[in-house]
Amino acid sequence: MKQLQLASIQLKDFRCFNQMTVDLDSPIVLICGSNGTGKTSLLEALYYGCYLRSFRTHLARDLIALEKESFFIKLLVRENMVDNVVDHTINIGFTGSKRRVIIDNKPIISYKDLLTHYRIVSLTEDDLKLIQDGPEERRTFLDQALLLDDASFLITMREYRIVVENRNALLQKEVIDKESYGIWTKKLWEMTHEIQKMRGRLLQHIEGEVNSMLHAHVDQHITISLTYQAKKHSDLSFEAFLDKNPELLKQEMYFKRSLLVLMLMIFLSHWQAKSLGHMGHEGSKK
């Protein structure tokens, strides 16, 4: 079994840093400093190295230092295996509206390649939104956790978006082929259920882990229960759902978009793309 350790990070023209290298090759690293010295910016760079997005801004150009035209991040990741140690280098550059990511001197074309080498989990004051805000924040959290657990989840999300886009394109037409409408509707229903099942399984896993910690460190008699609740009768069979929503087609023809999406506005939809070359363009926002 291999273990990954972030050994160092090098920044150039990123936020307040003109040029800086930080040694992180330790099990625990504490960062301290006065206000405005770049503590949060350093964490932001670490986060960007995993997701190619910031937790403070939607635009990569906002990360460029003042009066500069580009930024650069270099991560050294140490892979500790049973019989040897292998170092991997991740280089991320951004200039204009273009982003380029290279791992071990090879350009990468998908997030799956990046997540294989480097993953990060952040905890900030914004995470209180999981409790304070609505269900969309919680769905976003679950989808991010699913991606970190299995990078192939990105493929499922891409397929889901393709179905939604094709169904919306059909609804934009003046005359709708009801047979095609039925096919895309059932496909969207099936994919929605698959995503919901994945979220449900993850919640069960989280529930088990939390209860284990509660019983070991707090009180054996305290137990929590987590439940995933879907919207709009989506827990029914496809046929039963259609029976309960006989006006669905009429409503969707009026709005000319899918109302069956069930608010699956996952965070991946803000930054997923067919390749990192495509992702270099800053066209999408939350």
C-alpha atoms as a PDB file:
ATOM      1  CA  MET A   1       0.000   0.000   0.000  1.00  0.00           C
ATOM      2  CA  LYS A   2       1.352   3.435  -0.904  1.00  0.00           C
ATOM      3  CA  GLN A   3       1.181   6.639   1.141  1.00  0.00           C
ATOM      4  CA  LEU A   4       1.392  10.139  -0.298  1.00  0.00           C
ATOM      5  CA  GLN A   5       3.116  13.007   1.498  1.00  0.00           C
ATOM      6  CA  LEU A   6       3.302  16.563   0.238  1.00  0.00           C
ATOM      7  CA  ALA A   7       6.977  17.420   0.603  1.00  0.00           C
ATOM      8  CA  SER A   8       7.099  21.040  -0.596  1.00  0.00           C
ATOM      9  CA  ILE A   9       5.299  23.786  -2.494  1.00  0.00           C
ATOM     10  CA  GLN A  10       6.878  26.508  -4.616  1.00  0.00           C
ATOM     11  CA  LEU A  11       4.946  29.654  -5.548  1.00  0.00           C
ATOM     12  CA  LYS A  12       5.694  32.394  -8.040  1.00  0.00           C
ATOM     13  CA  ASP A  13       3.529  35.509  -8.468  1.00  0.00           C
ATOM     14  CA  PHE A  14       0.660  33.843  -6.599  1.00  0.00           C
ATOM     15  CA  ARG A  15      -1.390  36.310  -4.532  1.00  0.00           C
ATOM     16  CA  CYS A  16       1.074  38.119  -2.220  1.00  0.00           C
ATOM     17  CA  PHE A  17       4.003  35.812  -2.993  1.00  0.00           C
ATOM     18  CA  ASN A  18       6.541  36.880  -5.599  1.00  0.00           C
ATOM     19  CA  GLN A  19       8.768  33.863  -5.034  1.00  0.00           C
ATOM     20  CA  MET A  20       8.576  31.400  -2.166  1.00  0.00           C
ATOM     21  CA  THR A  21       9.279  27.749  -1.361  1.00  0.00           C
ATOM     22  CA  VAL A  22       7.846  26.062   1.741  1.00  0.00           C
ATOM     23  CA  ASP A  23       9.094  22.748   3.145  1.00  0.00           C
ATOM     24  CA  LEU A  24       6.108  20.595   4.191  1.00  0.00           C
ATOM     25  CA  ASP A  25       7.840  17.231   4.595  1.00  0.00           C
ATOM     26  CA  SER A  26       6.476  16.500   8.066  1.00  0.00           C
ATOM     27  CA  PRO A  27       3.434  14.618   9.412  1.00  0.00           C
ATOM     28  CA  ILE A  28       2.114  17.819  11.034  1.00  0.00           C
ATOM     29  CA  VAL A  29       2.813  21.352   9.809  1.00  0.00           C
ATOM     30  CA  LEU A  30       1.670  24.466  11.698  1.00  0.00           C
ATOM     31  CA  ILE A  31       1.549  27.786   9.856  1.00  0.00           C
ATOM     32  CA  CYS A  32       1.618  30.967  11.911  1.00  0.00           C
ATOM     33  CA  GLY A  33       2.123  34.636  11.110  1.00  0.00           C
ATOM     34  CA  SER A  34       0.679  38.112  11.407  1.00  0.00           C
ATOM     35  CA  ASN A  35      -2.434  39.190   9.557  1.00  0.00           C
ATOM     36  CA  GLY A  36      -1.874  39.787   5.868  1.00  0.00           C
ATOM     37  CA  THR A  37       1.330  37.750   5.589  1.00  0.00           C
ATOM     38  CA  GLY A  38      -0.229  35.103   3.301  1.00  0.00           C
ATOM     39  CA  LYS A  39      -1.311  32.214   5.536  1.00  0.00           C
ATOM     40  CA  THR A  40      -4.666  31.827   3.800  1.00  0.00           C
ATOM     41  CA  SER A  41      -3.078  32.383   0.390  1.00  0.00           C
ATOM     42  CA  LEU A  42      -0.698  29.481   1.047  1.00  0.00           C
ATOM     43  CA  LEU A  43      -3.629  27.232   1.941  1.00  0.00           C
ATOM     44  CA  GLU A  44      -5.417  28.492  -1.154  1.00  0.00           C
ATOM     45  CA  ALA A  45      -2.443  27.458  -3.311  1.00  0.00           C
ATOM     46  CA  LEU A  46      -2.460  23.984  -1.738  1.00  0.00           C
ATOM     47  CA  TYR A  47      -6.177  23.698  -2.457  1.00  0.00           C
ATOM     48  CA  TYR A  48      -5.729  24.921  -6.034  1.00  0.00           C
ATOM     49  CA  GLY A  49      -3.122  22.220  -6.604  1.00  0.00           C
ATOM     50  CA  CYS A  50      -5.814  19.567  -6.156  1.00  0.00           C
ATOM     51  CA  TYR A  51      -8.984  21.057  -7.651  1.00  0.00           C
ATOM     52  CA  LEU A  52      -7.588  23.740 -10.004  1.00  0.00           C
ATOM     53  CA  ARG A  53      -9.972  26.179  -8.387  1.00  0.00           C
ATOM     54  CA  SER A  54      -9.885  28.429  -5.346  1.00  0.00           C
ATOM     55  CA  PHE A  55     -12.132  28.359  -2.303  1.00  0.00           C
ATOM     56  CA  ARG A  56     -12.142  32.196  -2.310  1.00  0.00           C
ATOM     57  CA  THR A  57     -12.740  33.160  -5.954  1.00  0.00           C
ATOM     58  CA  HIS A  58     -14.185  31.660  -9.121  1.00  0.00           C
ATOM     59  CA  LEU A  59     -11.663  33.362 -11.404  1.00  0.00           C
ATOM     60  CA  ALA A  60      -8.110  32.054 -11.664  1.00  0.00           C
ATOM     61  CA  ARG A  61      -6.828  35.444 -12.819  1.00  0.00           C
ATOM     62  CA  ASP A  62      -7.702  36.828  -9.367  1.00  0.00           C
ATOM     63  CA  LEU A  63      -4.893  34.661  -7.980  1.00  0.00           C
ATOM     64  CA  ILE A  64      -2.194  36.435  -9.996  1.00  0.00           C
ATOM     65  CA  ALA A  65      -0.030  38.821  -7.957  1.00  0.00           C
ATOM     66  CA  LEU A  66      -0.537  42.546  -8.548  1.00  0.00           C
ATOM     67  CA  GLU A  67       1.095  43.897 -11.697  1.00  0.00           C
ATOM     68  CA  LYS A  68       1.955  40.360 -12.860  1.00  0.00           C
ATOM     69  CA  GLU A  69       0.559  38.445 -15.816  1.00  0.00           C
ATOM     70  CA  SER A  70       0.741  34.841 -14.628  1.00  0.00           C
ATOM     71  CA  PHE A  71       1.286  32.587 -11.634  1.00  0.00           C
ATOM     72  CA  PHE A  72       3.078  29.284 -11.094  1.00  0.00           C
ATOM     73  CA  ILE A  73       2.671  26.521  -8.510  1.00  0.00           C
ATOM     74  CA  LYS A  74       5.022  23.574  -8.108  1.00  0.00           C
ATOM     75  CA  LEU A  75       4.201  20.687  -5.785  1.00  0.00           C
ATOM     76  CA  LEU A  76       6.579  17.901  -4.771  1.00  0.00           C
ATOM     77  CA  VAL A  77       4.631  14.812  -3.696  1.00  0.00           C
ATOM     78  CA  ARG A  78       6.451  11.913  -2.074  1.00  0.00           C
ATOM     79  CA  GLU A  79       5.037   8.435  -2.648  1.00  0.00           C
ATOM     80  CA  ASN A  80       6.104   6.094   0.137  1.00  0.00           C
ATOM     81  CA  MET A  81       5.746   2.418  -0.744  1.00  0.00           C
ATOM     82  CA  VAL A  82       6.860  -0.719   1.035  1.00  0.00           C
ATOM     83  CA  ASP A  83      10.174  -1.097  -0.779  1.00  0.00           C
ATOM     84  CA  ASN A  84      10.994   2.379  -2.140  1.00  0.00           C
ATOM     85  CA  VAL A  85      10.168   6.086  -2.265  1.00  0.00           C
ATOM     86  CA  VAL A  86       9.181   7.910  -5.473  1.00  0.00           C
ATOM     87  CA  ASP A  87       8.917  11.678  -5.874  1.00  0.00           C
ATOM     88  CA  HIS A  88       6.368  13.211  -8.229  1.00  0.00           C
ATOM     89  CA  THR A  89       6.408  16.819  -9.420  1.00  0.00           C
ATOM     90  CA  ILE A  90       3.207  18.692 -10.253  1.00  0.00           C
ATOM     91  CA  ASN A  91       3.614  21.956 -12.179  1.00  0.00           C
ATOM     92  CA  ILE A  92       0.634  24.285 -12.635  1.00  0.00           C
ATOM     93  CA  GLY A  93       0.911  27.456 -14.663  1.00  0.00           C
ATOM     94  CA  PHE A  94      -1.727  30.038 -15.510  1.00  0.00           C
ATOM     95  CA  THR A  95      -1.404  32.997 -17.855  1.00  0.00           C
ATOM     96  CA  GLY A  96      -4.043  35.004 -19.664  1.00  0.00           C
ATOM     97  CA  SER A  97      -6.934  32.557 -19.760  1.00  0.00           C
ATOM     98  CA  LYS A  98      -4.846  29.424 -20.240  1.00  0.00           C
ATOM     99  CA  ARG A  99      -3.949  26.799 -17.680  1.00  0.00           C
ATOM    100  CA  ARG A 100      -1.331  24.101 -18.088  1.00  0.00           C
ATOM    101  CA  VAL A 101      -0.781  21.175 -15.722  1.00  0.00           C
ATOM    102  CA  ILE A 102       2.216  18.851 -15.978  1.00  0.00           C
ATOM    103  CA  ILE A 103       2.967  15.825 -13.807  1.00  0.00           C
ATOM    104  CA  ASP A 104       6.478  14.386 -14.025  1.00  0.00           C
ATOM    105  CA  ASN A 105       7.121  16.263 -17.289  1.00  0.00           C
ATOM    106  CA  LYS A 106       3.921  14.910 -18.887  1.00  0.00           C
ATOM    107  CA  PRO A 107       0.889  17.127 -19.589  1.00  0.00           C
ATOM    108  CA  ILE A 108      -2.271  15.665 -18.097  1.00  0.00           C
ATOM    109  CA  ILE A 109      -5.650  15.627 -19.816  1.00  0.00           C
ATOM    110  CA  SER A 110      -8.043  14.754 -16.995  1.00  0.00           C
ATOM    111  CA  TYR A 111      -8.627  15.355 -13.310  1.00  0.00           C
ATOM    112  CA  LYS A 112      -8.325  11.649 -12.680  1.00  0.00           C
ATOM    113  CA  ASP A 113      -4.574  11.868 -13.368  1.00  0.00           C
ATOM    114  CA  LEU A 114      -4.198  14.756 -10.952  1.00  0.00           C
ATOM    115  CA  LEU A 115      -6.196  13.160  -8.135  1.00  0.00           C
ATOM    116  CA  THR A 116      -4.082  10.017  -8.370  1.00  0.00           C
ATOM    117  CA  HIS A 117      -1.072  12.005  -7.132  1.00  0.00           C
ATOM    118  CA  TYR A 118      -2.460  14.701  -4.856  1.00  0.00           C
ATOM    119  CA  ARG A 119      -5.608  15.146  -2.799  1.00  0.00           C
ATOM    120  CA  ILE A 120      -6.541  17.684  -0.180  1.00  0.00           C
ATOM    121  CA  VAL A 121      -9.437  18.224   2.240  1.00  0.00           C
ATOM    122  CA  SER A 122      -9.971  21.766   3.501  1.00  0.00           C
ATOM    123  CA  LEU A 123     -11.798  22.997   6.582  1.00  0.00           C
ATOM    124  CA  THR A 124     -12.697  26.697   6.654  1.00  0.00           C
ATOM    125  CA  GLU A 125     -15.329  28.910   8.242  1.00  0.00           C
ATOM    126  CA  ASP A 126     -17.347  28.517   5.034  1.00  0.00           C
ATOM    127  CA  ASP A 127     -17.920  24.873   5.918  1.00  0.00           C
ATOM    128  CA  LEU A 128     -20.484  26.042   8.466  1.00  0.00           C
ATOM    129  CA  LYS A 129     -22.723  26.448   5.417  1.00  0.00           C
ATOM    130  CA  LEU A 130     -23.193  22.672   5.550  1.00  0.00           C
ATOM    131  CA  ILE A 131     -25.463  23.332   8.523  1.00  0.00           C
ATOM    132  CA  GLN A 132     -26.558  26.922   8.005  1.00  0.00           C
ATOM    133  CA  ASP A 133     -27.418  26.884   4.292  1.00  0.00           C
ATOM    134  CA  GLY A 134     -29.717  24.766   2.162  1.00  0.00           C
ATOM    135  CA  PRO A 135     -29.408  21.236   0.771  1.00  0.00           C
ATOM    136  CA  GLU A 136     -27.325  22.300  -2.243  1.00  0.00           C
ATOM    137  CA  GLU A 137     -24.310  22.889   0.034  1.00  0.00           C
ATOM    138  CA  ARG A 138     -24.665  19.397   1.478  1.00  0.00           C
ATOM    139  CA  ARG A 139     -24.985  17.804  -1.950  1.00  0.00           C
ATOM    140  CA  THR A 140     -21.842  19.651  -3.023  1.00  0.00           C
ATOM    141  CA  PHE A 141     -19.991  18.285   0.011  1.00  0.00           C
ATOM    142  CA  LEU A 142     -21.083  14.716  -0.744  1.00  0.00           C
ATOM    143  CA  ASP A 143     -20.086  14.966  -4.399  1.00  0.00           C
ATOM    144  CA  GLN A 144     -16.652  16.315  -3.518  1.00  0.00           C
ATOM    145  CA  ALA A 145     -16.158  13.446  -1.065  1.00  0.00           C
ATOM    146  CA  LEU A 146     -17.248  10.932  -3.716  1.00  0.00           C
ATOM    147  CA  LEU A 147     -14.737  12.376  -6.173  1.00  0.00           C
ATOM    148  CA  LEU A 148     -11.888  12.120  -3.663  1.00  0.00           C
ATOM    149  CA  ASP A 149     -12.852   8.538  -2.878  1.00  0.00           C
ATOM    150  CA  ASP A 150     -13.102   7.486  -6.521  1.00  0.00           C
ATOM    151  CA  ALA A 151     -11.987   9.717  -9.393  1.00  0.00           C
ATOM    152  CA  SER A 152     -14.222   7.742 -11.794  1.00  0.00           C
ATOM    153  CA  PHE A 153     -17.152   9.614 -10.224  1.00  0.00           C
ATOM    154  CA  LEU A 154     -16.166  12.414 -12.610  1.00  0.00           C
ATOM    155  CA  ILE A 155     -17.147  10.164 -15.538  1.00  0.00           C
ATOM    156  CA  THR A 156     -20.598   9.641 -14.019  1.00  0.00           C
ATOM    157  CA  MET A 157     -21.022  13.399 -13.680  1.00  0.00           C
ATOM    158  CA  ARG A 158     -19.990  13.995 -17.272  1.00  0.00           C
ATOM    159  CA  GLU A 159     -22.502  11.426 -18.493  1.00  0.00           C
ATOM    160  CA  TYR A 160     -25.164  13.056 -16.364  1.00  0.00           C
ATOM    161  CA  ARG A 161     -24.450  16.484 -17.860  1.00  0.00           C
ATOM    162  CA  ILE A 162     -24.600  15.061 -21.395  1.00  0.00           C
ATOM    163  CA  VAL A 163     -28.050  13.609 -20.706  1.00  0.00           C
ATOM    164  CA  VAL A 164     -29.294  16.904 -19.248  1.00  0.00           C
ATOM    165  CA  GLU A 165     -27.899  18.894 -22.182  1.00  0.00           C
ATOM    166  CA  ASN A 166     -29.473  16.576 -24.769  1.00  0.00           C
ATOM    167  CA  ARG A 167     -32.801  16.633 -22.973  1.00  0.00           C
ATOM    168  CA  ASN A 168     -32.726  20.439 -22.751  1.00  0.00           C
ATOM    169  CA  ALA A 169     -31.873  20.659 -26.452  1.00  0.00           C
ATOM    170  CA  LEU A 170     -34.926  18.528 -27.213  1.00  0.00           C
ATOM    171  CA  LEU A 171     -37.128  20.794 -25.091  1.00  0.00           C
ATOM    172  CA  GLN A 172     -35.935  23.846 -27.038  1.00  0.00           C
ATOM    173  CA  LYS A 173     -37.571  22.561 -30.225  1.00  0.00           C
ATOM    174  CA  GLU A 174     -40.960  23.806 -31.378  1.00  0.00           C
ATOM    175  CA  VAL A 175     -42.178  20.232 -32.012  1.00  0.00           C
ATOM    176  CA  ILE A 176     -41.000  17.589 -29.543  1.00  0.00           C
ATOM    177  CA  ASP A 177     -40.615  13.941 -30.501  1.00  0.00           C
ATOM    178  CA  LYS A 178     -42.388  12.234 -27.611  1.00  0.00           C
ATOM    179  CA  GLU A 179     -40.528   8.970 -28.158  1.00  0.00           C
ATOM    180  CA  SER A 180     -37.157  10.736 -27.851  1.00  0.00           C
ATOM    181  CA  TYR A 181     -38.493  12.671 -24.882  1.00  0.00           C
ATOM    182  CA  GLY A 182     -39.417   9.418 -23.156  1.00  0.00           C
ATOM    183  CA  ILE A 183     -35.977   7.904 -23.813  1.00  0.00           C
ATOM    184  CA  TRP A 184     -34.043  10.908 -22.452  1.00  0.00           C
ATOM    185  CA  THR A 185     -36.411  11.251 -19.505  1.00  0.00           C
ATOM    186  CA  LYS A 186     -35.896   7.650 -18.444  1.00  0.00           C
ATOM    187  CA  LYS A 187     -32.129   7.958 -18.927  1.00  0.00           C
ATOM    188  CA  LEU A 188     -32.043  11.066 -16.750  1.00  0.00           C
ATOM    189  CA  TRP A 189     -34.153   9.300 -14.150  1.00  0.00           C
ATOM    190  CA  GLU A 190     -31.789   6.311 -14.086  1.00  0.00           C
ATOM    191  CA  MET A 191     -28.677   8.472 -13.753  1.00  0.00           C
ATOM    192  CA  THR A 192     -30.311  10.567 -11.039  1.00  0.00           C
ATOM    193  CA  HIS A 193     -31.054   7.428  -9.062  1.00  0.00           C
ATOM    194  CA  GLU A 194     -27.509   6.134  -9.513  1.00  0.00           C
ATOM    195  CA  ILE A 195     -26.052   9.376  -8.148  1.00  0.00           C
ATOM    196  CA  GLN A 196     -28.498   9.345  -5.258  1.00  0.00           C
ATOM    197  CA  LYS A 197     -27.516   5.760  -4.419  1.00  0.00           C
ATOM    198  CA  MET A 198     -23.836   6.735  -4.398  1.00  0.00           C
ATOM    199  CA  ARG A 199     -24.572   9.626  -2.068  1.00  0.00           C
ATOM    200  CA  GLY A 200     -26.632   7.359   0.167  1.00  0.00           C
ATOM    201  CA  ARG A 201     -23.841   4.795   0.429  1.00  0.00           C
ATOM    202  CA  LEU A 202     -21.367   7.526   1.310  1.00  0.00           C
ATOM    203  CA  LEU A 203     -23.677   8.838   4.029  1.00  0.00           C
ATOM    204  CA  GLN A 204     -23.912   5.339   5.487  1.00  0.00           C
ATOM    205  CA  HIS A 205     -20.122   5.129   5.550  1.00  0.00           C
ATOM    206  CA  ILE A 206     -19.835   8.546   7.228  1.00  0.00           C
ATOM    207  CA  GLU A 207     -22.486   7.525   9.748  1.00  0.00           C
ATOM    208  CA  GLY A 208     -20.518   4.410  10.668  1.00  0.00           C
ATOM    209  CA  GLU A 209     -17.242   6.323  11.046  1.00  0.00           C
ATOM    210  CA  VAL A 210     -18.817   9.055  13.191  1.00  0.00           C
ATOM    211  CA  ASN A 211     -20.572   6.555  15.442  1.00  0.00           C
ATOM    212  CA  SER A 212     -17.323   4.621  15.902  1.00  0.00           C
ATOM    213  CA  MET A 213     -15.586   7.803  17.076  1.00  0.00           C
ATOM    214  CA  LEU A 214     -18.520   8.712  19.345  1.00  0.00           C
ATOM    215  CA  HIS A 215     -18.505   5.292  20.977  1.00  0.00           C
ATOM    216  CA  ALA A 216     -14.747   5.254  21.390  1.00  0.00           C
ATOM    217  CA  HIS A 217     -14.230   8.784  22.679  1.00  0.00           C
ATOM    218  CA  VAL A 218     -17.551  10.161  23.973  1.00  0.00           C
ATOM    219  CA  ASP A 219     -20.319   7.787  25.004  1.00  0.00           C
ATOM    220  CA  GLN A 220     -21.230   4.320  23.782  1.00  0.00           C
ATOM    221  CA  HIS A 221     -24.922   5.163  24.163  1.00  0.00           C
ATOM    222  CA  ILE A 222     -24.806   8.125  21.760  1.00  0.00           C
ATOM    223  CA  THR A 223     -25.592   7.306  18.132  1.00  0.00           C
ATOM    224  CA  ILE A 224     -26.331   9.498  15.126  1.00  0.00           C
ATOM    225  CA  SER A 225     -28.314   8.653  12.013  1.00  0.00           C
ATOM    226  CA  LEU A 226     -27.823  10.246   8.583  1.00  0.00           C
ATOM    227  CA  THR A 227     -30.512  10.016   5.893  1.00  0.00           C
ATOM    228  CA  TYR A 228     -30.473  11.147   2.275  1.00  0.00           C
ATOM    229  CA  GLN A 229     -33.840  12.614   1.273  1.00  0.00           C
ATOM    230  CA  ALA A 230     -34.531  13.143  -2.421  1.00  0.00           C
ATOM    231  CA  LYS A 231     -36.999  15.645  -3.882  1.00  0.00           C
ATOM    232  CA  LYS A 232     -40.136  15.459  -5.999  1.00  0.00           C
ATOM    233  CA  HIS A 233     -41.059  11.809  -5.348  1.00  0.00           C
ATOM    234  CA  SER A 234     -37.787  10.674  -6.912  1.00  0.00           C
ATOM    235  CA  ASP A 235     -37.726   7.707  -4.545  1.00  0.00           C
ATOM    236  CA  LEU A 236     -40.609   6.194  -6.547  1.00  0.00           C
ATOM    237  CA  SER A 237     -40.279   4.018  -9.607  1.00  0.00           C
ATOM    238  CA  PHE A 238     -40.063   5.790 -12.953  1.00  0.00           C
ATOM    239  CA  GLU A 239     -43.605   4.750 -13.911  1.00  0.00           C
ATOM    240  CA  ALA A 240     -45.028   5.816 -10.528  1.00  0.00           C
ATOM    241  CA  PHE A 241     -43.270   9.170 -10.803  1.00  0.00           C
ATOM    242  CA  LEU A 242     -44.819   9.833 -14.226  1.00  0.00           C
ATOM    243  CA  ASP A 243     -48.244   8.925 -12.847  1.00  0.00           C
ATOM    244  CA  LYS A 244     -47.811  11.506 -10.064  1.00  0.00           C
ATOM    245  CA  ASN A 245     -46.571  14.165 -12.511  1.00  0.00           C
ATOM    246  CA  PRO A 246     -48.827  13.951 -15.584  1.00  0.00           C
ATOM    247  CA  GLU A 247     -48.154  17.627 -16.433  1.00  0.00           C
ATOM    248  CA  LEU A 248     -44.360  17.277 -16.511  1.00  0.00           C
ATOM    249  CA  LEU A 249     -44.008  17.450 -20.302  1.00  0.00           C
ATOM    250  CA  LYS A 250     -46.360  20.408 -20.550  1.00  0.00           C
ATOM    251  CA  GLN A 251     -44.477  22.282 -17.820  1.00  0.00           C
ATOM    252  CA  GLU A 252     -41.078  21.544 -19.358  1.00  0.00           C
ATOM    253  CA  MET A 253     -42.267  22.627 -22.804  1.00  0.00           C
ATOM    254  CA  TYR A 254     -43.354  25.923 -21.257  1.00  0.00           C
ATOM    255  CA  PHE A 255     -40.000  26.543 -19.502  1.00  0.00           C
ATOM    256  CA  LYS A 256     -38.007  24.865 -22.331  1.00  0.00           C
ATOM    257  CA  ARG A 257     -35.672  23.118 -19.914  1.00  0.00           C
ATOM    258  CA  SER A 258     -35.524  20.003 -17.732  1.00  0.00           C
ATOM    259  CA  LEU A 259     -37.418  20.290 -14.466  1.00  0.00           C
ATOM    260  CA  LEU A 260     -36.487  16.692 -13.679  1.00  0.00           C
ATOM    261  CA  VAL A 261     -32.911  17.612 -12.824  1.00  0.00           C
ATOM    262  CA  LEU A 262     -33.915  17.459  -9.142  1.00  0.00           C
ATOM    263  CA  MET A 263     -31.496  20.199  -8.170  1.00  0.00           C
ATOM    264  CA  LEU A 264     -28.436  18.027  -8.777  1.00  0.00           C
ATOM    265  CA  MET A 265     -26.267  21.151  -8.946  1.00  0.00           C
ATOM    266  CA  ILE A 266     -23.040  19.486  -7.915  1.00  0.00           C
ATOM    267  CA  PHE A 267     -19.844  21.409  -7.521  1.00  0.00           C
ATOM    268  CA  LEU A 268     -18.269  19.480 -10.376  1.00  0.00           C
ATOM    269  CA  SER A 269     -20.581  21.195 -12.830  1.00  0.00           C
ATOM    270  CA  HIS A 270     -18.721  24.444 -12.175  1.00  0.00           C
ATOM    271  CA  TRP A 271     -15.341  23.140 -13.200  1.00  0.00           C
ATOM    272  CA  GLN A 272     -15.678  19.846 -15.045  1.00  0.00           C
ATOM    273  CA  ALA A 273     -14.678  19.740 -18.698  1.00  0.00           C
ATOM    274  CA  LYS A 274     -13.596  17.307 -21.343  1.00  0.00           C
ATOM    275  CA  SER A 275      -9.921  18.143 -20.859  1.00  0.00           C
ATOM    276  CA  LEU A 276      -7.646  20.477 -18.978  1.00  0.00           C
ATOM    277  CA  GLY A 277      -7.062  22.361 -22.203  1.00  0.00           C
ATOM    278  CA  HIS A 278     -10.757  23.191 -22.278  1.00  0.00           C
ATOM    279  CA  MET A 279     -10.719  24.044 -18.585  1.00  0.00           C
ATOM    280  CA  GLY A 280      -8.223  26.814 -19.136  1.00  0.00           C
ATOM    281  CA  HIS A 281     -11.014  29.113 -20.306  1.00  0.00           C
ATOM    282  CA  GLU A 282     -12.740  30.925 -17.484  1.00  0.00           C
ATOM    283  CA  GLY A 283     -16.244  30.823 -18.845  1.00  0.00           C
ATOM    284  CA  SER A 284     -18.113  29.135 -15.982  1.00  0.00           C
ATOM    285  CA  LYS A 285     -19.096  30.494 -12.627  1.00  0.00           C
ATOM    286  CA  LYS A 286     -20.864  29.088  -9.643  1.00  0.00           C
END
